[in-house]
Amino acid sequence: MNRRALPDLSEAPKEARAAVVCKDGFTMSVQASAYHYCSPRIHDAEGYLEVEIGYPRQREPLIDEYVEGFGLWVDKDDDYEFTNAVYPYVPAEVVLEVIMKHGGMIGGNLPNLDLSNISNNEEE
C-alpha cells in the first residue's frame, strides 16, 4: 500500500494528542493516525517513521522544508505564517531534533516514533 494513500474512513476518528511542550516554552502538535500525514498511515502503529506537525508556537527552521506548500507557494524567505501551518511527513528523527533543541519535552504526548534510522546515521 502506498504510504500516502487515502485512509480507510470507515473507522471512527481518534482524539488528537495533546501538544508537545518543551522546556523553553516551544509547543507543537505532533499527530499520527490513519487521518494524518504520516507513515505508516494507520492508527496505533508500533512506530511512525514520519508524522504530522501542526501549529508550532514559533517558526522553527528545522522543519521549514516540510511545511505544506514549501517550494510551491511558500518560500523559506517568505513572510508566510509558519505558526499557522501543517507540516506533513516530518521524519521522526527531525521531531526528536526539534524537541532536543528546545530543551526536551516536559508535557504533551507523542505518537510512537520509529527512531531506528538514528543509530545508523550516527556511526557514519
PDB file of N, CA and C in Angstrom:
ATOM      1  N   MET A   1       0.833  -1.193   0.000  1.00  0.00           N
ATOM      2  CA  MET A   1       0.000   0.000   0.000  1.00  0.00           C
ATOM      3  C   MET A   1       0.871   1.248   0.000  1.00  0.00           C
ATOM      4  N   ASN A   2       0.501   2.187  -0.797  1.00  0.00           N
ATOM      5  CA  ASN A   2       1.209   3.452  -0.864  1.00  0.00           C
ATOM      6  C   ASN A   2       1.132   4.154   0.492  1.00  0.00           C
ATOM      7  N   ARG A   3       2.256   4.598   1.012  1.00  0.00           N
ATOM      8  CA  ARG A   3       2.289   5.212   2.347  1.00  0.00           C
ATOM      9  C   ARG A   3       1.476   6.502   2.415  1.00  0.00           C
ATOM     10  N   ARG A   4       1.174   7.082   1.289  1.00  0.00           N
ATOM     11  CA  ARG A   4       0.404   8.324   1.268  1.00  0.00           C
ATOM     12  C   ARG A   4      -0.995   8.117   0.706  1.00  0.00           C
ATOM     13  N   ALA A   5      -1.426   6.863   0.659  1.00  0.00           N
ATOM     14  CA  ALA A   5      -2.769   6.568   0.163  1.00  0.00           C
ATOM     15  C   ALA A   5      -3.807   7.119   1.129  1.00  0.00           C
ATOM     16  N   LEU A   6      -4.986   7.349   0.611  1.00  0.00           N
ATOM     17  CA  LEU A   6      -6.068   7.841   1.465  1.00  0.00           C
ATOM     18  C   LEU A   6      -6.412   6.798   2.522  1.00  0.00           C
ATOM     19  N   PRO A   7      -6.724   7.227   3.742  1.00  0.00           N
ATOM     20  CA  PRO A   7      -7.038   6.295   4.817  1.00  0.00           C
ATOM     21  C   PRO A   7      -8.414   5.657   4.643  1.00  0.00           C
ATOM     22  N   ASP A   8      -8.608   4.562   5.354  1.00  0.00           N
ATOM     23  CA  ASP A   8      -9.925   3.932   5.420  1.00  0.00           C
ATOM     24  C   ASP A   8     -10.769   4.774   6.368  1.00  0.00           C
ATOM     25  N   LEU A   9     -11.757   5.458   5.830  1.00  0.00           N
ATOM     26  CA  LEU A   9     -12.551   6.388   6.635  1.00  0.00           C
ATOM     27  C   LEU A   9     -13.705   5.715   7.359  1.00  0.00           C
ATOM     28  N   SER A  10     -13.755   4.381   7.319  1.00  0.00           N
ATOM     29  CA  SER A  10     -14.849   3.679   7.989  1.00  0.00           C
ATOM     30  C   SER A  10     -14.660   3.628   9.506  1.00  0.00           C
ATOM     31  N   GLU A  11     -13.446   3.845   9.972  1.00  0.00           N
ATOM     32  CA  GLU A  11     -13.184   3.846  11.414  1.00  0.00           C
ATOM     33  C   GLU A  11     -13.520   5.202  12.015  1.00  0.00           C
ATOM     34  N   ALA A  12     -13.919   5.187  13.282  1.00  0.00           N
ATOM     35  CA  ALA A  12     -14.188   6.448  13.987  1.00  0.00           C
ATOM     36  C   ALA A  12     -12.871   7.188  14.212  1.00  0.00           C
ATOM     37  N   PRO A  13     -12.869   8.516  14.110  1.00  0.00           N
ATOM     38  CA  PRO A  13     -11.633   9.276  14.340  1.00  0.00           C
ATOM     39  C   PRO A  13     -11.154   9.157  15.778  1.00  0.00           C
ATOM     40  N   LYS A  14      -9.852   9.181  15.944  1.00  0.00           N
ATOM     41  CA  LYS A  14      -9.232   9.141  17.267  1.00  0.00           C
ATOM     42  C   LYS A  14      -9.075  10.576  17.785  1.00  0.00           C
ATOM     43  N   GLU A  15      -9.005  10.712  19.098  1.00  0.00           N
ATOM     44  CA  GLU A  15      -8.759  12.038  19.674  1.00  0.00           C
ATOM     45  C   GLU A  15      -7.340  12.494  19.355  1.00  0.00           C
ATOM     46  N   ALA A  16      -7.177  13.782  19.175  1.00  0.00           N
ATOM     47  CA  ALA A  16      -5.846  14.332  18.925  1.00  0.00           C
ATOM     48  C   ALA A  16      -5.009  14.255  20.201  1.00  0.00           C
ATOM     49  N   ARG A  17      -3.726  14.028  20.028  1.00  0.00           N
ATOM     50  CA  ARG A  17      -2.797  14.028  21.164  1.00  0.00           C
ATOM     51  C   ARG A  17      -2.591  15.461  21.642  1.00  0.00           C
ATOM     52  N   ALA A  18      -2.318  15.603  22.917  1.00  0.00           N
ATOM     53  CA  ALA A  18      -2.004  16.923  23.477  1.00  0.00           C
ATOM     54  C   ALA A  18      -0.711  17.433  22.852  1.00  0.00           C
ATOM     55  N   ALA A  19      -0.639  18.736  22.614  1.00  0.00           N
ATOM     56  CA  ALA A  19       0.545  19.348  22.005  1.00  0.00           C
ATOM     57  C   ALA A  19       1.789  19.085  22.846  1.00  0.00           C
ATOM     58  N   VAL A  20       2.903  18.893  22.158  1.00  0.00           N
ATOM     59  CA  VAL A  20       4.198  18.735  22.816  1.00  0.00           C
ATOM     60  C   VAL A  20       4.597  20.091  23.388  1.00  0.00           C
ATOM     61  N   VAL A  21       5.037  20.089  24.635  1.00  0.00           N
ATOM     62  CA  VAL A  21       5.517  21.301  25.296  1.00  0.00           C
ATOM     63  C   VAL A  21       6.977  21.075  25.655  1.00  0.00           C
ATOM     64  N   CYS A  22       7.838  21.989  25.224  1.00  0.00           N
ATOM     65  CA  CYS A  22       9.269  21.879  25.509  1.00  0.00           C
ATOM     66  C   CYS A  22       9.659  22.798  26.661  1.00  0.00           C
ATOM     67  N   LYS A  23      10.822  22.529  27.214  1.00  0.00           N
ATOM     68  CA  LYS A  23      11.304  23.259  28.391  1.00  0.00           C
ATOM     69  C   LYS A  23      11.366  24.770  28.173  1.00  0.00           C
ATOM     70  N   ASP A  24      11.714  25.210  26.957  1.00  0.00           N
ATOM     71  CA  ASP A  24      11.829  26.648  26.702  1.00  0.00           C
ATOM     72  C   ASP A  24      10.497  27.295  26.309  1.00  0.00           C
ATOM     73  N   GLY A  25       9.399  26.537  26.353  1.00  0.00           N
ATOM     74  CA  GLY A  25       8.087  27.077  26.037  1.00  0.00           C
ATOM     75  C   GLY A  25       7.614  26.801  24.623  1.00  0.00           C
ATOM     76  N   PHE A  26       8.485  26.266  23.785  1.00  0.00           N
ATOM     77  CA  PHE A  26       8.089  25.917  22.417  1.00  0.00           C
ATOM     78  C   PHE A  26       7.029  24.822  22.460  1.00  0.00           C
ATOM     79  N   THR A  27       5.992  24.949  21.631  1.00  0.00           N
ATOM     80  CA  THR A  27       4.954  23.924  21.537  1.00  0.00           C
ATOM     81  C   THR A  27       4.684  23.604  20.076  1.00  0.00           C
ATOM     82  N   MET A  28       4.208  22.394  19.845  1.00  0.00           N
ATOM     83  CA  MET A  28       3.790  21.966  18.507  1.00  0.00           C
ATOM     84  C   MET A  28       2.889  20.754  18.660  1.00  0.00           C
ATOM     85  N   SER A  29       1.956  20.630  17.752  1.00  0.00           N
ATOM     86  CA  SER A  29       1.118  19.449  17.699  1.00  0.00           C
ATOM     87  C   SER A  29       1.864  18.385  16.900  1.00  0.00           C
ATOM     88  N   VAL A  30       1.911  17.158  17.404  1.00  0.00           N
ATOM     89  CA  VAL A  30       2.538  16.044  16.688  1.00  0.00           C
ATOM     90  C   VAL A  30       1.518  14.910  16.656  1.00  0.00           C
ATOM     91  N   GLN A  31       1.033  14.611  15.453  1.00  0.00           N
ATOM     92  CA  GLN A  31      -0.041  13.639  15.302  1.00  0.00           C
ATOM     93  C   GLN A  31       0.342  12.553  14.303  1.00  0.00           C
ATOM     94  N   ALA A  32      -0.261  11.374  14.491  1.00  0.00           N
ATOM     95  CA  ALA A  32      -0.074  10.264  13.558  1.00  0.00           C
ATOM     96  C   ALA A  32      -1.243   9.303  13.710  1.00  0.00           C
ATOM     97  N   SER A  33      -1.897   9.008  12.606  1.00  0.00           N
ATOM     98  CA  SER A  33      -3.002   8.050  12.567  1.00  0.00           C
ATOM     99  C   SER A  33      -3.396   7.874  11.114  1.00  0.00           C
ATOM    100  N   ALA A  34      -4.443   7.128  10.874  1.00  0.00           N
ATOM    101  CA  ALA A  34      -4.941   6.964   9.515  1.00  0.00           C
ATOM    102  C   ALA A  34      -5.451   8.278   8.936  1.00  0.00           C
ATOM    103  N   TYR A  35      -5.679   9.272   9.792  1.00  0.00           N
ATOM    104  CA  TYR A  35      -6.228  10.553   9.359  1.00  0.00           C
ATOM    105  C   TYR A  35      -5.187  11.657   9.250  1.00  0.00           C
ATOM    106  N   HIS A  36      -3.905  11.333   9.452  1.00  0.00           N
ATOM    107  CA  HIS A  36      -2.848  12.345   9.434  1.00  0.00           C
ATOM    108  C   HIS A  36      -1.822  12.037   8.350  1.00  0.00           C
ATOM    109  N   TYR A  37      -1.016  13.049   8.019  1.00  0.00           N
ATOM    110  CA  TYR A  37       0.071  12.888   7.063  1.00  0.00           C
ATOM    111  C   TYR A  37       1.254  12.237   7.770  1.00  0.00           C
ATOM    112  N   CYS A  38       1.269  10.914   7.768  1.00  0.00           N
ATOM    113  CA  CYS A  38       2.313  10.180   8.487  1.00  0.00           C
ATOM    114  C   CYS A  38       2.606   8.877   7.757  1.00  0.00           C
ATOM    115  N   SER A  39       3.637   8.198   8.200  1.00  0.00           N
ATOM    116  CA  SER A  39       3.990   6.904   7.637  1.00  0.00           C
ATOM    117  C   SER A  39       4.423   5.978   8.760  1.00  0.00           C
ATOM    118  N   PRO A  40       3.784   4.823   8.907  1.00  0.00           N
ATOM    119  CA  PRO A  40       2.659   4.345   8.124  1.00  0.00           C
ATOM    120  C   PRO A  40       1.393   5.131   8.455  1.00  0.00           C
ATOM    121  N   ARG A  41       0.481   5.153   7.517  1.00  0.00           N
ATOM    122  CA  ARG A  41      -0.755   5.933   7.684  1.00  0.00           C
ATOM    123  C   ARG A  41      -1.845   5.010   8.228  1.00  0.00           C
ATOM    124  N   ILE A  42      -1.655   4.615   9.490  1.00  0.00           N
ATOM    125  CA  ILE A  42      -2.586   3.729  10.190  1.00  0.00           C
ATOM    126  C   ILE A  42      -2.721   4.209  11.626  1.00  0.00           C
ATOM    127  N   HIS A  43      -3.760   3.729  12.304  1.00  0.00           N
ATOM    128  CA  HIS A  43      -3.919   4.028  13.724  1.00  0.00           C
ATOM    129  C   HIS A  43      -2.954   3.171  14.539  1.00  0.00           C
ATOM    130  N   ASP A  44      -2.417   3.726  15.607  1.00  0.00           N
ATOM    131  CA  ASP A  44      -1.673   2.992  16.625  1.00  0.00           C
ATOM    132  C   ASP A  44      -0.552   2.108  16.081  1.00  0.00           C
ATOM    133  N   ALA A  45       0.275   2.653  15.210  1.00  0.00           N
ATOM    134  CA  ALA A  45       1.422   1.900  14.695  1.00  0.00           C
ATOM    135  C   ALA A  45       2.435   1.657  15.810  1.00  0.00           C
ATOM    136  N   GLU A  46       3.203   0.597  15.682  1.00  0.00           N
ATOM    137  CA  GLU A  46       4.287   0.335  16.650  1.00  0.00           C
ATOM    138  C   GLU A  46       5.277   1.483  16.650  1.00  0.00           C
ATOM    139  N   GLY A  47       5.506   2.053  15.492  1.00  0.00           N
ATOM    140  CA  GLY A  47       6.399   3.192  15.360  1.00  0.00           C
ATOM    141  C   GLY A  47       6.147   3.908  14.054  1.00  0.00           C
ATOM    142  N   TYR A  48       6.195   5.225  14.092  1.00  0.00           N
ATOM    143  CA  TYR A  48       5.984   6.035  12.902  1.00  0.00           C
ATOM    144  C   TYR A  48       7.323   6.588  12.418  1.00  0.00           C
ATOM    145  N   LEU A  49       7.625   6.372  11.143  1.00  0.00           N
ATOM    146  CA  LEU A  49       8.833   6.928  10.534  1.00  0.00           C
ATOM    147  C   LEU A  49       8.671   8.417  10.253  1.00  0.00           C
ATOM    148  N   GLU A  50       7.432   8.831   9.929  1.00  0.00           N
ATOM    149  CA  GLU A  50       7.116  10.226   9.640  1.00  0.00           C
ATOM    150  C   GLU A  50       5.799  10.567  10.317  1.00  0.00           C
ATOM    151  N   VAL A  51       5.692  11.802  10.789  1.00  0.00           N
ATOM    152  CA  VAL A  51       4.488  12.250  11.488  1.00  0.00           C
ATOM    153  C   VAL A  51       4.062  13.613  10.957  1.00  0.00           C
ATOM    154  N   GLU A  52       2.896  14.047  11.388  1.00  0.00           N
ATOM    155  CA  GLU A  52       2.386  15.361  11.017  1.00  0.00           C
ATOM    156  C   GLU A  52       2.597  16.327  12.182  1.00  0.00           C
ATOM    157  N   ILE A  53       3.231  17.451  11.895  1.00  0.00           N
ATOM    158  CA  ILE A  53       3.383  18.520  12.889  1.00  0.00           C
ATOM    159  C   ILE A  53       2.430  19.633  12.494  1.00  0.00           C
ATOM    160  N   GLY A  54       1.874  20.288  13.483  1.00  0.00           N
ATOM    161  CA  GLY A  54       0.993  21.408  13.196  1.00  0.00           C
ATOM    162  C   GLY A  54       1.169  22.526  14.198  1.00  0.00           C
ATOM    163  N   TYR A  55       1.018  23.729  13.714  1.00  0.00           N
ATOM    164  CA  TYR A  55       0.886  24.931  14.528  1.00  0.00           C
ATOM    165  C   TYR A  55       1.963  25.108  15.610  1.00  0.00           C
ATOM    166  N   PRO A  56       3.238  25.131  15.195  1.00  0.00           N
ATOM    167  CA  PRO A  56       4.282  25.396  16.192  1.00  0.00           C
ATOM    168  C   PRO A  56       4.125  26.804  16.767  1.00  0.00           C
ATOM    169  N   ARG A  57       4.516  26.972  18.012  1.00  0.00           N
ATOM    170  CA  ARG A  57       4.376  28.267  18.693  1.00  0.00           C
ATOM    171  C   ARG A  57       5.157  29.367  17.988  1.00  0.00           C
ATOM    172  N   GLN A  58       6.304  29.005  17.428  1.00  0.00           N
ATOM    173  CA  GLN A  58       7.129  29.963  16.696  1.00  0.00           C
ATOM    174  C   GLN A  58       7.714  29.245  15.490  1.00  0.00           C
ATOM    175  N   ARG A  59       8.196  30.013  14.538  1.00  0.00           N
ATOM    176  CA  ARG A  59       8.809  29.400  13.358  1.00  0.00           C
ATOM    177  C   ARG A  59      10.028  28.605  13.801  1.00  0.00           C
ATOM    178  N   GLU A  60      10.142  27.389  13.296  1.00  0.00           N
ATOM    179  CA  GLU A  60      11.274  26.526  13.627  1.00  0.00           C
ATOM    180  C   GLU A  60      11.963  26.123  12.314  1.00  0.00           C
ATOM    181  N   PRO A  61      13.163  26.687  12.059  1.00  0.00           N
ATOM    182  CA  PRO A  61      13.866  26.411  10.799  1.00  0.00           C
ATOM    183  C   PRO A  61      14.129  24.923  10.527  1.00  0.00           C
ATOM    184  N   LEU A  62      14.224  24.102  11.558  1.00  0.00           N
ATOM    185  CA  LEU A  62      14.465  22.674  11.345  1.00  0.00           C
ATOM    186  C   LEU A  62      13.323  21.982  10.597  1.00  0.00           C
ATOM    187  N   ILE A  63      12.137  22.577  10.615  1.00  0.00           N
ATOM    188  CA  ILE A  63      11.000  21.952   9.937  1.00  0.00           C
ATOM    189  C   ILE A  63      10.469  22.781   8.759  1.00  0.00           C
ATOM    190  N   ASP A  64      11.096  23.908   8.459  1.00  0.00           N
ATOM    191  CA  ASP A  64      10.623  24.773   7.366  1.00  0.00           C
ATOM    192  C   ASP A  64      10.369  23.996   6.075  1.00  0.00           C
ATOM    193  N   GLU A  65      11.289  23.133   5.685  1.00  0.00           N
ATOM    194  CA  GLU A  65      11.177  22.449   4.395  1.00  0.00           C
ATOM    195  C   GLU A  65      10.003  21.475   4.323  1.00  0.00           C
ATOM    196  N   TYR A  66       9.406  21.161   5.460  1.00  0.00           N
ATOM    197  CA  TYR A  66       8.276  20.228   5.492  1.00  0.00           C
ATOM    198  C   TYR A  66       6.918  20.938   5.480  1.00  0.00           C
ATOM    199  N   VAL A  67       6.897  22.257   5.589  1.00  0.00           N
ATOM    200  CA  VAL A  67       5.620  22.977   5.643  1.00  0.00           C
ATOM    201  C   VAL A  67       4.828  22.718   4.363  1.00  0.00           C
ATOM    202  N   GLU A  68       3.538  22.558   4.523  1.00  0.00           N
ATOM    203  CA  GLU A  68       2.677  22.309   3.383  1.00  0.00           C
ATOM    204  C   GLU A  68       2.815  23.450   2.372  1.00  0.00           C
ATOM    205  N   GLY A  69       3.137  23.112   1.135  1.00  0.00           N
ATOM    206  CA  GLY A  69       3.297  24.109   0.090  1.00  0.00           C
ATOM    207  C   GLY A  69       4.713  24.610  -0.100  1.00  0.00           C
ATOM    208  N   PHE A  70       5.688  24.093   0.671  1.00  0.00           N
ATOM    209  CA  PHE A  70       7.067  24.564   0.547  1.00  0.00           C
ATOM    210  C   PHE A  70       7.569  24.292  -0.873  1.00  0.00           C
ATOM    211  N   GLY A  71       8.134  25.312  -1.493  1.00  0.00           N
ATOM    212  CA  GLY A  71       8.649  25.187  -2.843  1.00  0.00           C
ATOM    213  C   GLY A  71       7.588  25.397  -3.909  1.00  0.00           C
ATOM    214  N   LEU A  72       6.334  25.419  -3.516  1.00  0.00           N
ATOM    215  CA  LEU A  72       5.245  25.675  -4.466  1.00  0.00           C
ATOM    216  C   LEU A  72       4.768  27.104  -4.294  1.00  0.00           C
ATOM    217  N   TRP A  73       4.069  27.369  -3.216  1.00  0.00           N
ATOM    218  CA  TRP A  73       3.606  28.732  -2.955  1.00  0.00           C
ATOM    219  C   TRP A  73       4.265  29.327  -1.710  1.00  0.00           C
ATOM    220  N   VAL A  74       5.119  28.544  -1.031  1.00  0.00           N
ATOM    221  CA  VAL A  74       5.829  29.021   0.159  1.00  0.00           C
ATOM    222  C   VAL A  74       7.327  28.930  -0.081  1.00  0.00           C
ATOM    223  N   ASP A  75       8.025  30.026   0.158  1.00  0.00           N
ATOM    224  CA  ASP A  75       9.475  30.073   0.041  1.00  0.00           C
ATOM    225  C   ASP A  75      10.048  30.311   1.430  1.00  0.00           C
ATOM    226  N   LYS A  76      11.247  29.814   1.696  1.00  0.00           N
ATOM    227  CA  LYS A  76      11.831  29.956   3.042  1.00  0.00           C
ATOM    228  C   LYS A  76      11.997  31.407   3.472  1.00  0.00           C
ATOM    229  N   ASP A  77      12.055  32.327   2.518  1.00  0.00           N
ATOM    230  CA  ASP A  77      12.227  33.740   2.857  1.00  0.00           C
ATOM    231  C   ASP A  77      10.908  34.503   2.924  1.00  0.00           C
ATOM    232  N   ASP A  78       9.821  33.810   2.683  1.00  0.00           N
ATOM    233  CA  ASP A  78       8.500  34.450   2.721  1.00  0.00           C
ATOM    234  C   ASP A  78       8.123  34.880   4.131  1.00  0.00           C
ATOM    235  N   ASP A  79       7.179  35.789   4.199  1.00  0.00           N
ATOM    236  CA  ASP A  79       6.578  36.163   5.475  1.00  0.00           C
ATOM    237  C   ASP A  79       5.384  35.256   5.757  1.00  0.00           C
ATOM    238  N   TYR A  80       5.481  34.031   5.300  1.00  0.00           N
ATOM    239  CA  TYR A  80       4.422  33.041   5.476  1.00  0.00           C
ATOM    240  C   TYR A  80       4.176  32.793   6.964  1.00  0.00           C
ATOM    241  N   GLU A  81       2.949  32.495   7.315  1.00  0.00           N
ATOM    242  CA  GLU A  81       2.615  32.224   8.717  1.00  0.00           C
ATOM    243  C   GLU A  81       2.958  30.778   9.075  1.00  0.00           C
ATOM    244  N   PHE A  82       4.227  30.532   9.326  1.00  0.00           N
ATOM    245  CA  PHE A  82       4.703  29.188   9.639  1.00  0.00           C
ATOM    246  C   PHE A  82       4.076  28.643  10.925  1.00  0.00           C
ATOM    247  N   THR A  83       3.583  29.519  11.786  1.00  0.00           N
ATOM    248  CA  THR A  83       2.964  29.070  13.035  1.00  0.00           C
ATOM    249  C   THR A  83       1.501  28.681  12.850  1.00  0.00           C
ATOM    250  N   ASN A  84       0.958  28.953  11.695  1.00  0.00           N
ATOM    251  CA  ASN A  84      -0.436  28.620  11.413  1.00  0.00           C
ATOM    252  C   ASN A  84      -0.491  27.644  10.251  1.00  0.00           C
ATOM    253  N   ALA A  85       0.381  26.622  10.306  1.00  0.00           N
ATOM    254  CA  ALA A  85       0.543  25.722   9.176  1.00  0.00           C
ATOM    255  C   ALA A  85       0.666  24.265   9.625  1.00  0.00           C
ATOM    256  N   VAL A  86       0.494  23.389   8.639  1.00  0.00           N
ATOM    257  CA  VAL A  86       0.658  21.953   8.840  1.00  0.00           C
ATOM    258  C   VAL A  86       1.940  21.524   8.143  1.00  0.00           C
ATOM    259  N   TYR A  87       2.652  20.589   8.751  1.00  0.00           N
ATOM    260  CA  TYR A  87       3.923  20.088   8.249  1.00  0.00           C
ATOM    261  C   TYR A  87       3.786  18.575   8.035  1.00  0.00           C
ATOM    262  N   PRO A  88       3.444  18.144   6.811  1.00  0.00           N
ATOM    263  CA  PRO A  88       3.231  16.718   6.556  1.00  0.00           C
ATOM    264  C   PRO A  88       4.535  15.928   6.475  1.00  0.00           C
ATOM    265  N   TYR A  89       4.452  14.664   6.880  1.00  0.00           N
ATOM    266  CA  TYR A  89       5.525  13.680   6.706  1.00  0.00           C
ATOM    267  C   TYR A  89       6.885  14.157   7.213  1.00  0.00           C
ATOM    268  N   VAL A  90       6.931  14.647   8.443  1.00  0.00           N
ATOM    269  CA  VAL A  90       8.192  15.059   9.062  1.00  0.00           C
ATOM    270  C   VAL A  90       8.855  13.813   9.642  1.00  0.00           C
ATOM    271  N   PRO A  91      10.104  13.525   9.274  1.00  0.00           N
ATOM    272  CA  PRO A  91      10.783  12.339   9.794  1.00  0.00           C
ATOM    273  C   PRO A  91      10.874  12.360  11.330  1.00  0.00           C
ATOM    274  N   ALA A  92      10.735  11.192  11.923  1.00  0.00           N
ATOM    275  CA  ALA A  92      10.760  11.057  13.382  1.00  0.00           C
ATOM    276  C   ALA A  92      12.035  11.650  13.979  1.00  0.00           C
ATOM    277  N   GLU A  93      13.165  11.460  13.310  1.00  0.00           N
ATOM    278  CA  GLU A  93      14.425  11.979  13.851  1.00  0.00           C
ATOM    279  C   GLU A  93      14.450  13.503  13.865  1.00  0.00           C
ATOM    280  N   VAL A  94      13.748  14.150  12.942  1.00  0.00           N
ATOM    281  CA  VAL A  94      13.659  15.616  12.930  1.00  0.00           C
ATOM    282  C   VAL A  94      12.805  16.089  14.108  1.00  0.00           C
ATOM    283  N   VAL A  95      11.730  15.372  14.396  1.00  0.00           N
ATOM    284  CA  VAL A  95      10.894  15.697  15.561  1.00  0.00           C
ATOM    285  C   VAL A  95      11.737  15.661  16.825  1.00  0.00           C
ATOM    286  N   LEU A  96      12.523  14.602  16.980  1.00  0.00           N
ATOM    287  CA  LEU A  96      13.399  14.475  18.146  1.00  0.00           C
ATOM    288  C   LEU A  96      14.416  15.611  18.198  1.00  0.00           C
ATOM    289  N   GLU A  97      14.984  15.973  17.060  1.00  0.00           N
ATOM    290  CA  GLU A  97      15.960  17.069  16.999  1.00  0.00           C
ATOM    291  C   GLU A  97      15.326  18.394  17.443  1.00  0.00           C
ATOM    292  N   VAL A  98      14.101  18.652  17.002  1.00  0.00           N
ATOM    293  CA  VAL A  98      13.397  19.880  17.399  1.00  0.00           C
ATOM    294  C   VAL A  98      13.177  19.881  18.912  1.00  0.00           C
ATOM    295  N   ILE A  99      12.723  18.773  19.444  1.00  0.00           N
ATOM    296  CA  ILE A  99      12.465  18.679  20.888  1.00  0.00           C
ATOM    297  C   ILE A  99      13.744  18.910  21.682  1.00  0.00           C
ATOM    298  N   MET A 100      14.837  18.295  21.270  1.00  0.00           N
ATOM    299  CA  MET A 100      16.104  18.459  21.985  1.00  0.00           C
ATOM    300  C   MET A 100      16.623  19.903  21.877  1.00  0.00           C
ATOM    301  N   LYS A 101      16.446  20.519  20.714  1.00  0.00           N
ATOM    302  CA  LYS A 101      16.874  21.903  20.528  1.00  0.00           C
ATOM    303  C   LYS A 101      16.170  22.834  21.513  1.00  0.00           C
ATOM    304  N   HIS A 102      14.941  22.507  21.871  1.00  0.00           N
ATOM    305  CA  HIS A 102      14.147  23.358  22.749  1.00  0.00           C
ATOM    306  C   HIS A 102      14.165  22.879  24.209  1.00  0.00           C
ATOM    307  N   GLY A 103      15.186  22.124  24.567  1.00  0.00           N
ATOM    308  CA  GLY A 103      15.406  21.776  25.968  1.00  0.00           C
ATOM    309  C   GLY A 103      14.753  20.487  26.430  1.00  0.00           C
ATOM    310  N   GLY A 104      14.150  19.751  25.536  1.00  0.00           N
ATOM    311  CA  GLY A 104      13.487  18.499  25.898  1.00  0.00           C
ATOM    312  C   GLY A 104      12.000  18.712  26.129  1.00  0.00           C
ATOM    313  N   MET A 105      11.318  17.601  26.144  1.00  0.00           N
ATOM    314  CA  MET A 105       9.856  17.618  26.276  1.00  0.00           C
ATOM    315  C   MET A 105       9.455  17.560  27.746  1.00  0.00           C
ATOM    316  N   ILE A 106       8.572  18.484  28.153  1.00  0.00           N
ATOM    317  CA  ILE A 106       8.104  18.491  29.546  1.00  0.00           C
ATOM    318  C   ILE A 106       6.598  18.255  29.652  1.00  0.00           C
ATOM    319  N   GLY A 107       5.922  18.161  28.506  1.00  0.00           N
ATOM    320  CA  GLY A 107       4.480  17.919  28.527  1.00  0.00           C
ATOM    321  C   GLY A 107       3.967  17.524  27.167  1.00  0.00           C
ATOM    322  N   GLY A 108       2.733  17.063  27.147  1.00  0.00           N
ATOM    323  CA  GLY A 108       2.103  16.663  25.904  1.00  0.00           C
ATOM    324  C   GLY A 108       2.324  15.190  25.609  1.00  0.00           C
ATOM    325  N   ASN A 109       1.912  14.775  24.420  1.00  0.00           N
ATOM    326  CA  ASN A 109       2.017  13.380  24.016  1.00  0.00           C
ATOM    327  C   ASN A 109       2.562  13.256  22.604  1.00  0.00           C
ATOM    328  N   LEU A 110       3.457  12.300  22.434  1.00  0.00           N
ATOM    329  CA  LEU A 110       3.995  11.976  21.118  1.00  0.00           C
ATOM    330  C   LEU A 110       3.440  10.637  20.664  1.00  0.00           C
ATOM    331  N   PRO A 111       3.244  10.461  19.365  1.00  0.00           N
ATOM    332  CA  PRO A 111       2.981   9.115  18.869  1.00  0.00           C
ATOM    333  C   PRO A 111       4.253   8.283  19.027  1.00  0.00           C
ATOM    334  N   ASN A 112       4.137   6.990  18.927  1.00  0.00           N
ATOM    335  CA  ASN A 112       5.328   6.128  18.981  1.00  0.00           C
ATOM    336  C   ASN A 112       6.185   6.414  17.759  1.00  0.00           C
ATOM    337  N   LEU A 113       7.392   6.889  17.987  1.00  0.00           N
ATOM    338  CA  LEU A 113       8.294   7.228  16.892  1.00  0.00           C
ATOM    339  C   LEU A 113       9.236   6.069  16.597  1.00  0.00           C
ATOM    340  N   ASP A 114       9.463   5.795  15.333  1.00  0.00           N
ATOM    341  CA  ASP A 114      10.446   4.806  14.905  1.00  0.00           C
ATOM    342  C   ASP A 114      11.749   5.553  14.659  1.00  0.00           C
ATOM    343  N   LEU A 115      12.677   5.416  15.584  1.00  0.00           N
ATOM    344  CA  LEU A 115      13.955   6.133  15.505  1.00  0.00           C
ATOM    345  C   LEU A 115      15.096   5.212  15.075  1.00  0.00           C
ATOM    346  N   SER A 116      14.761   4.130  14.395  1.00  0.00           N
ATOM    347  CA  SER A 116      15.775   3.144  14.004  1.00  0.00           C
ATOM    348  C   SER A 116      16.814   3.711  13.048  1.00  0.00           C
ATOM    349  N   ASN A 117      16.499   4.774  12.325  1.00  0.00           N
ATOM    350  CA  ASN A 117      17.459   5.379  11.392  1.00  0.00           C
ATOM    351  C   ASN A 117      18.556   6.169  12.100  1.00  0.00           C
ATOM    352  N   ILE A 118      18.330   6.580  13.326  1.00  0.00           N
ATOM    353  CA  ILE A 118      19.297   7.424  14.036  1.00  0.00           C
ATOM    354  C   ILE A 118      20.609   6.706  14.294  1.00  0.00           C
ATOM    355  N   SER A 119      20.562   5.494  14.811  1.00  0.00           N
ATOM    356  CA  SER A 119      21.797   4.783  15.157  1.00  0.00           C
ATOM    357  C   SER A 119      22.652   4.537  13.923  1.00  0.00           C
ATOM    358  N   ASN A 120      22.054   4.287  12.757  1.00  0.00           N
ATOM    359  CA  ASN A 120      22.806   4.063  11.534  1.00  0.00           C
ATOM    360  C   ASN A 120      23.524   5.328  11.076  1.00  0.00           C
ATOM    361  N   ASN A 121      22.872   6.486  11.223  1.00  0.00           N
ATOM    362  CA  ASN A 121      23.459   7.743  10.773  1.00  0.00           C
ATOM    363  C   ASN A 121      24.550   8.240  11.700  1.00  0.00           C
ATOM    364  N   GLU A 122      24.448   7.984  12.989  1.00  0.00           N
ATOM    365  CA  GLU A 122      25.430   8.491  13.952  1.00  0.00           C
ATOM    366  C   GLU A 122      26.776   7.787  13.807  1.00  0.00           C
ATOM    367  N   GLU A 123      26.765   6.533  13.341  1.00  0.00           N
ATOM    368  CA  GLU A 123      28.021   5.777  13.231  1.00  0.00           C
ATOM    369  C   GLU A 123      28.839   6.212  12.035  1.00  0.00           C
ATOM    370  N   GLU A 124      28.224   6.835  11.036  1.00  0.00           N
ATOM    371  CA  GLU A 124      28.942   7.208   9.817  1.00  0.00           C
ATOM    372  C   GLU A 124      29.687   8.493   9.961  1.00  0.00           C
TER     373      GLU A 124
END
